[in-house]
Amino acid sequence: MVSACALRAHLLAARLAGPVATARESSLRSYQLFAQRDPRYLIGLDPRGRWTRDGLLRLMSERCGNSPDPFRVTGQEFIDPDRTVAALDAFAVRIGAAARERLPVLLGTGHPQRLLGFYAVLAGALSAAGCPVLTPAYGRCIDISTRFGLRTHTLDYLHGVAVVRPADGGANGSGPGAHSHSPLPVRAALAAAAESEGPLPGLVIGDHGWVCGAGQLGVEAIGLADVNDPALFVGEAEGRVAVAVPLDDAVRSDYYRPLTRYVLNRACLSQ
């Protein structure tokens, strides 16, 4: 069992919260491009409000605890560990409710190198609790914009968690999957689930485009987000993302294990 106090200490020691590796410059650039409605930073969300860079700074300070000062433009970012613990509590409430109701669930990640293990344990626990863990559109080809141009990816599932991998077998072609912020995979998965006339997900669990893309389509979605990923927190503020957990999403994969244990304990599920 991981207590809230022990989890807070772990978040700080592992730099999942507190002073994190994310650069202030990265956050400000993301906020500016989101305000300009750059699709790469909206990641599937169509904001209802008119968000400026300074408005996003204020929102992110409220949700993550980083500085709202627009004149602080360099250095490391900060995530308030108490906000992370509170968000994980809310995340666990949603997981527990899904388990009690035996909702069909869909899990997906754009950070498979780091977060696949976190979601895979959740998938296993939810499956054991009677939740159908869905794998729609398995093997589907999806064209995703990357920094190298438009590349075809295939949708795969590892331990019940959706990932994408380059169809040409390039970088990450044989590993756990490619890094991606795109909402196209979750759109393909949800469309395939609807076409199959099988169960539709009652909850989507993930990050980046998996959460924003599902929330934009009206599916309950919860997930993890770094301080330079404003889309999930805007979605939460506007009521289309149920829970966004602020943390560094790019530390060692084993550092997320105590978070999984904490969530499952709070959700009254066994690992």
Protein backbone atom coordinates (compact mmCIF):
# COMPACT_ATOMS: atom_id res chain seq x y z
CA MET A 1 0.00 0.00 0.00
CA VAL A 2 1.26 3.49 -0.88
CA SER A 3 0.00 6.28 1.37
CA ALA A 4 -0.62 9.82 0.11
CA CYS A 5 2.35 11.01 2.17
CA ALA A 6 4.64 8.33 0.73
CA LEU A 7 3.39 9.03 -2.78
CA ARG A 8 4.11 12.75 -2.37
CA ALA A 9 7.65 11.96 -1.26
CA HIS A 10 8.11 9.64 -4.24
CA LEU A 11 6.82 12.28 -6.67
CA LEU A 12 9.45 14.70 -5.43
CA ALA A 13 12.29 12.15 -5.28
CA ALA A 14 11.59 10.88 -8.81
CA ARG A 15 11.02 14.42 -10.10
CA LEU A 16 7.57 13.51 -11.30
CA ALA A 17 6.48 16.67 -9.49
CA GLY A 18 8.21 19.53 -7.75
CA PRO A 19 11.03 20.94 -9.91
CA VAL A 20 10.72 18.87 -13.10
CA ALA A 21 12.88 18.50 -16.20
CA THR A 22 10.39 20.34 -18.43
CA ALA A 23 11.85 23.67 -19.55
CA ARG A 24 9.90 26.88 -19.06
CA GLU A 25 10.63 27.75 -22.69
CA SER A 26 8.87 24.56 -23.79
CA SER A 27 5.76 25.40 -21.76
CA LEU A 28 5.53 28.98 -23.03
CA ARG A 29 5.96 27.85 -26.62
CA SER A 30 3.21 25.25 -26.19
CA TYR A 31 0.85 27.80 -24.62
CA GLN A 32 1.48 30.28 -27.44
CA LEU A 33 0.88 27.69 -30.17
CA PHE A 34 -2.23 26.38 -28.42
CA ALA A 35 -3.53 29.96 -28.24
CA GLN A 36 -2.94 30.18 -31.99
CA ARG A 37 -4.93 26.94 -32.38
CA ASP A 38 -2.07 25.00 -33.88
CA PRO A 39 -3.50 21.46 -34.38
CA ARG A 40 -0.26 19.91 -33.12
CA TYR A 41 -0.97 21.43 -29.71
CA LEU A 42 -4.77 21.17 -29.68
CA ILE A 43 -4.30 17.35 -30.06
CA GLY A 44 -7.93 16.75 -30.92
CA LEU A 45 -9.56 19.39 -28.73
CA ASP A 46 -11.65 22.19 -30.24
CA PRO A 47 -11.64 24.76 -27.42
CA ARG A 48 -14.90 26.54 -26.75
CA GLY A 49 -13.18 29.53 -25.18
CA ARG A 50 -10.73 32.03 -26.63
CA TRP A 51 -7.51 31.11 -24.84
CA THR A 52 -4.60 33.54 -24.81
CA ARG A 53 -1.08 32.65 -23.73
CA ASP A 54 -1.53 34.58 -20.46
CA GLY A 55 -4.91 32.96 -19.88
CA LEU A 56 -3.30 29.56 -20.31
CA LEU A 57 -0.54 30.56 -17.89
CA ARG A 58 -3.19 31.33 -15.26
CA LEU A 59 -5.04 28.08 -15.93
CA MET A 60 -1.89 25.98 -15.78
CA SER A 61 -0.86 27.67 -12.55
CA GLU A 62 -4.23 26.72 -11.06
CA ARG A 63 -4.08 23.12 -12.32
CA CYS A 64 -0.35 22.37 -12.07
CA GLY A 65 1.09 24.93 -9.66
CA ASN A 66 3.70 26.39 -12.01
CA SER A 67 4.43 30.12 -12.08
CA PRO A 68 1.80 32.36 -13.73
CA ASP A 69 4.41 35.11 -14.23
CA PRO A 70 4.62 35.85 -17.98
CA PHE A 71 8.05 37.42 -17.46
CA ARG A 72 9.54 34.19 -16.12
CA VAL A 73 10.74 32.77 -19.42
CA THR A 74 13.64 30.45 -18.55
CA GLY A 75 14.54 27.69 -16.09
CA GLN A 76 12.84 24.51 -14.96
CA GLU A 77 9.11 24.16 -14.56
CA PHE A 78 7.41 23.26 -11.28
CA ILE A 79 4.45 20.95 -10.63
CA ASP A 80 2.80 21.07 -7.22
CA PRO A 81 2.93 17.50 -5.81
CA ASP A 82 -0.23 18.11 -3.77
CA ARG A 83 -2.12 18.88 -6.97
CA THR A 84 -0.76 15.68 -8.49
CA VAL A 85 -1.91 13.61 -5.51
CA ALA A 86 -5.36 15.24 -5.55
CA ALA A 87 -5.72 14.57 -9.28
CA LEU A 88 -4.64 10.94 -8.82
CA ASP A 89 -7.34 10.62 -6.15
CA ALA A 90 -9.92 11.87 -8.67
CA PHE A 91 -8.42 9.55 -11.31
CA ALA A 92 -8.81 6.60 -8.92
CA VAL A 93 -12.45 7.51 -8.25
CA ARG A 94 -13.18 7.22 -11.99
CA ILE A 95 -11.28 3.92 -12.24
CA GLY A 96 -13.19 2.54 -9.27
CA ALA A 97 -16.54 3.62 -10.71
CA ALA A 98 -15.72 1.97 -14.05
CA ALA A 99 -14.82 -1.26 -12.25
CA ARG A 100 -18.02 -1.29 -10.19
CA GLU A 101 -20.14 -0.66 -13.28
CA ARG A 102 -18.03 -3.06 -15.40
CA LEU A 103 -17.77 -0.45 -18.11
CA PRO A 104 -16.01 -1.27 -21.36
CA VAL A 105 -12.70 0.64 -21.30
CA LEU A 106 -10.20 1.74 -23.93
CA LEU A 107 -6.62 2.52 -22.98
CA GLY A 108 -4.03 4.18 -25.21
CA THR A 109 -0.76 6.04 -24.91
CA GLY A 110 1.39 8.31 -27.01
CA HIS A 111 4.26 7.73 -24.56
CA PRO A 112 4.72 3.94 -24.75
CA GLN A 113 8.41 4.08 -23.87
CA ARG A 114 7.56 5.62 -20.48
CA LEU A 115 3.90 5.01 -19.66
CA LEU A 116 2.95 1.66 -21.20
CA GLY A 117 3.55 -0.18 -17.92
CA PHE A 118 1.36 2.26 -15.96
CA TYR A 119 -1.61 1.70 -18.27
CA ALA A 120 -1.00 -2.03 -18.74
CA VAL A 121 -1.39 -2.69 -15.01
CA LEU A 122 -4.61 -0.67 -14.98
CA ALA A 123 -5.88 -2.66 -17.98
CA GLY A 124 -5.16 -5.93 -16.19
CA ALA A 125 -6.87 -4.83 -12.98
CA LEU A 126 -9.94 -3.53 -14.81
CA SER A 127 -10.17 -6.73 -16.85
CA ALA A 128 -9.98 -8.79 -13.65
CA ALA A 129 -12.80 -6.66 -12.23
CA GLY A 130 -15.03 -7.58 -15.19
CA CYS A 131 -14.50 -4.57 -17.47
CA PRO A 132 -14.17 -5.45 -21.17
CA VAL A 133 -10.81 -4.01 -22.29
CA LEU A 134 -11.47 -3.05 -25.90
CA THR A 135 -9.04 -3.37 -28.82
CA PRO A 136 -10.90 -1.85 -31.78
CA ALA A 137 -9.19 -1.09 -35.11
CA TYR A 138 -6.30 -3.44 -34.35
CA GLY A 139 -3.89 -3.36 -37.29
CA ARG A 140 -5.57 -0.32 -38.84
CA CYS A 141 -3.27 1.94 -40.89
CA ILE A 142 -3.32 5.61 -39.87
CA ASP A 143 -1.44 8.48 -41.56
CA ILE A 144 0.03 10.69 -38.84
CA SER A 145 1.95 13.95 -39.27
CA THR A 146 5.43 13.78 -37.72
CA ARG A 147 8.44 16.07 -37.79
CA PHE A 148 9.61 13.97 -40.74
CA GLY A 149 6.35 14.52 -42.64
CA LEU A 150 3.27 12.35 -43.06
CA ARG A 151 4.01 8.74 -42.07
CA THR A 152 1.77 5.70 -42.07
CA HIS A 153 1.44 3.99 -38.69
CA THR A 154 -0.41 0.88 -37.58
CA LEU A 155 -2.55 0.65 -34.48
CA ASP A 156 -1.39 -2.10 -32.15
CA TYR A 157 -2.33 -3.26 -28.65
CA LEU A 158 0.19 -4.34 -26.02
CA HIS A 159 -1.19 -5.79 -22.78
CA GLY A 160 -4.53 -4.16 -23.59
CA VAL A 161 -3.05 -0.72 -24.29
CA ALA A 162 -3.20 0.91 -27.72
CA VAL A 163 0.01 2.23 -29.28
CA VAL A 164 1.02 3.21 -32.79
CA ARG A 165 4.11 2.07 -34.64
CA PRO A 166 5.56 3.08 -38.01
CA ALA A 167 4.23 0.82 -40.74
CA ASP A 168 7.63 0.82 -42.46
CA GLY A 169 9.28 -0.72 -39.39
CA GLY A 170 11.47 2.33 -38.75
CA ALA A 171 12.29 3.82 -35.36
CA ASN A 172 10.15 2.19 -32.67
CA GLY A 173 8.78 -0.21 -35.27
CA SER A 174 9.63 -3.24 -33.16
CA GLY A 175 9.68 -1.62 -29.71
CA PRO A 176 6.71 -0.72 -27.54
CA GLY A 177 5.55 1.90 -30.05
CA ALA A 178 6.13 5.42 -31.27
CA HIS A 179 5.76 8.71 -29.44
CA SER A 180 2.69 10.53 -30.75
CA HIS A 181 0.33 13.31 -29.69
CA SER A 182 -2.13 12.66 -32.52
CA PRO A 183 -5.88 12.21 -31.87
CA LEU A 184 -6.24 10.17 -35.07
CA PRO A 185 -5.66 6.78 -33.39
CA VAL A 186 -8.46 7.24 -30.86
CA ARG A 187 -10.79 8.51 -33.58
CA ALA A 188 -10.04 5.39 -35.62
CA ALA A 189 -10.56 3.15 -32.59
CA LEU A 190 -13.87 4.76 -31.64
CA ALA A 191 -15.12 4.65 -35.23
CA ALA A 192 -14.21 0.97 -35.50
CA ALA A 193 -15.97 0.20 -32.22
CA ALA A 194 -19.12 1.90 -33.51
CA GLU A 195 -18.93 0.11 -36.86
CA SER A 196 -18.56 -3.29 -35.21
CA GLU A 197 -21.82 -2.86 -33.30
CA GLY A 198 -19.93 -4.18 -30.27
CA PRO A 199 -19.55 -2.37 -26.96
CA LEU A 200 -18.49 1.27 -26.99
CA PRO A 201 -16.02 2.44 -24.37
CA GLY A 202 -17.56 4.00 -21.31
CA LEU A 203 -14.17 5.35 -20.28
CA VAL A 204 -10.97 6.17 -22.17
CA ILE A 205 -7.73 6.20 -20.18
CA GLY A 206 -4.51 7.58 -21.60
CA ASP A 207 -2.66 10.75 -22.51
CA HIS A 208 -2.31 13.36 -25.24
CA GLY A 209 -4.58 12.77 -28.25
CA TRP A 210 -6.18 9.69 -26.68
CA VAL A 211 -7.75 11.83 -23.96
CA CYS A 212 -8.47 15.01 -25.91
CA GLY A 213 -9.71 13.15 -28.99
CA ALA A 214 -12.09 11.01 -26.92
CA GLY A 215 -13.29 13.90 -24.79
CA GLN A 216 -14.01 16.01 -27.86
CA LEU A 217 -16.25 13.20 -29.14
CA GLY A 218 -18.17 13.06 -25.86
CA VAL A 219 -16.55 9.96 -24.35
CA GLU A 220 -15.50 10.21 -20.71
CA ALA A 221 -11.71 10.46 -20.67
CA ILE A 222 -9.05 10.67 -17.98
CA GLY A 223 -5.29 10.85 -18.26
CA LEU A 224 -1.84 12.14 -17.46
CA ALA A 225 -0.30 15.36 -18.77
CA ASP A 226 2.91 17.33 -18.42
CA VAL A 227 2.99 21.02 -17.60
CA ASN A 228 3.74 21.82 -21.26
CA ASP A 229 0.59 19.99 -22.46
CA PRO A 230 -2.19 22.55 -21.94
CA ALA A 231 -4.83 20.77 -24.05
CA LEU A 232 -5.83 18.24 -21.38
CA PHE A 233 -6.18 20.95 -18.74
CA VAL A 234 -8.23 23.18 -21.06
CA GLY A 235 -10.41 20.14 -21.79
CA GLU A 236 -10.83 19.60 -18.06
CA ALA A 237 -11.67 23.27 -17.46
CA GLU A 238 -14.23 23.19 -20.28
CA GLY A 239 -15.81 19.95 -19.10
CA ARG A 240 -14.69 17.56 -21.85
CA VAL A 241 -11.87 15.85 -19.96
CA ALA A 242 -12.93 14.31 -16.66
CA VAL A 243 -9.51 14.25 -14.96
CA ALA A 244 -6.09 15.54 -16.02
CA VAL A 245 -3.22 14.52 -13.73
CA PRO A 246 -0.25 16.92 -13.77
CA LEU A 247 3.14 15.20 -13.75
CA ASP A 248 6.32 14.80 -15.76
CA ASP A 249 5.40 12.20 -18.40
CA ALA A 250 8.96 11.42 -19.52
CA VAL A 251 10.84 9.97 -16.54
CA ARG A 252 11.91 6.33 -16.15
CA SER A 253 9.06 3.89 -16.65
CA ASP A 254 9.58 2.18 -13.28
CA TYR A 255 9.06 5.49 -11.47
CA TYR A 256 5.35 5.29 -12.32
CA ARG A 257 4.82 1.97 -10.51
CA PRO A 258 4.04 3.54 -7.10
CA LEU A 259 1.43 5.70 -8.84
CA THR A 260 -0.25 2.59 -10.24
CA ARG A 261 -0.30 0.94 -6.82
CA TYR A 262 -1.71 4.11 -5.26
CA VAL A 263 -4.49 4.41 -7.86
CA LEU A 264 -5.49 0.75 -7.59
CA ASN A 265 -5.54 0.93 -3.79
CA ARG A 266 -7.70 4.05 -3.86
CA ALA A 267 -9.98 2.42 -6.44
CA CYS A 268 -10.26 -0.70 -4.24
CA LEU A 269 -8.78 -2.90 -6.96
CA SER A 270 -6.00 -5.46 -6.66
CA GLN A 271 -2.93 -5.34 -8.89
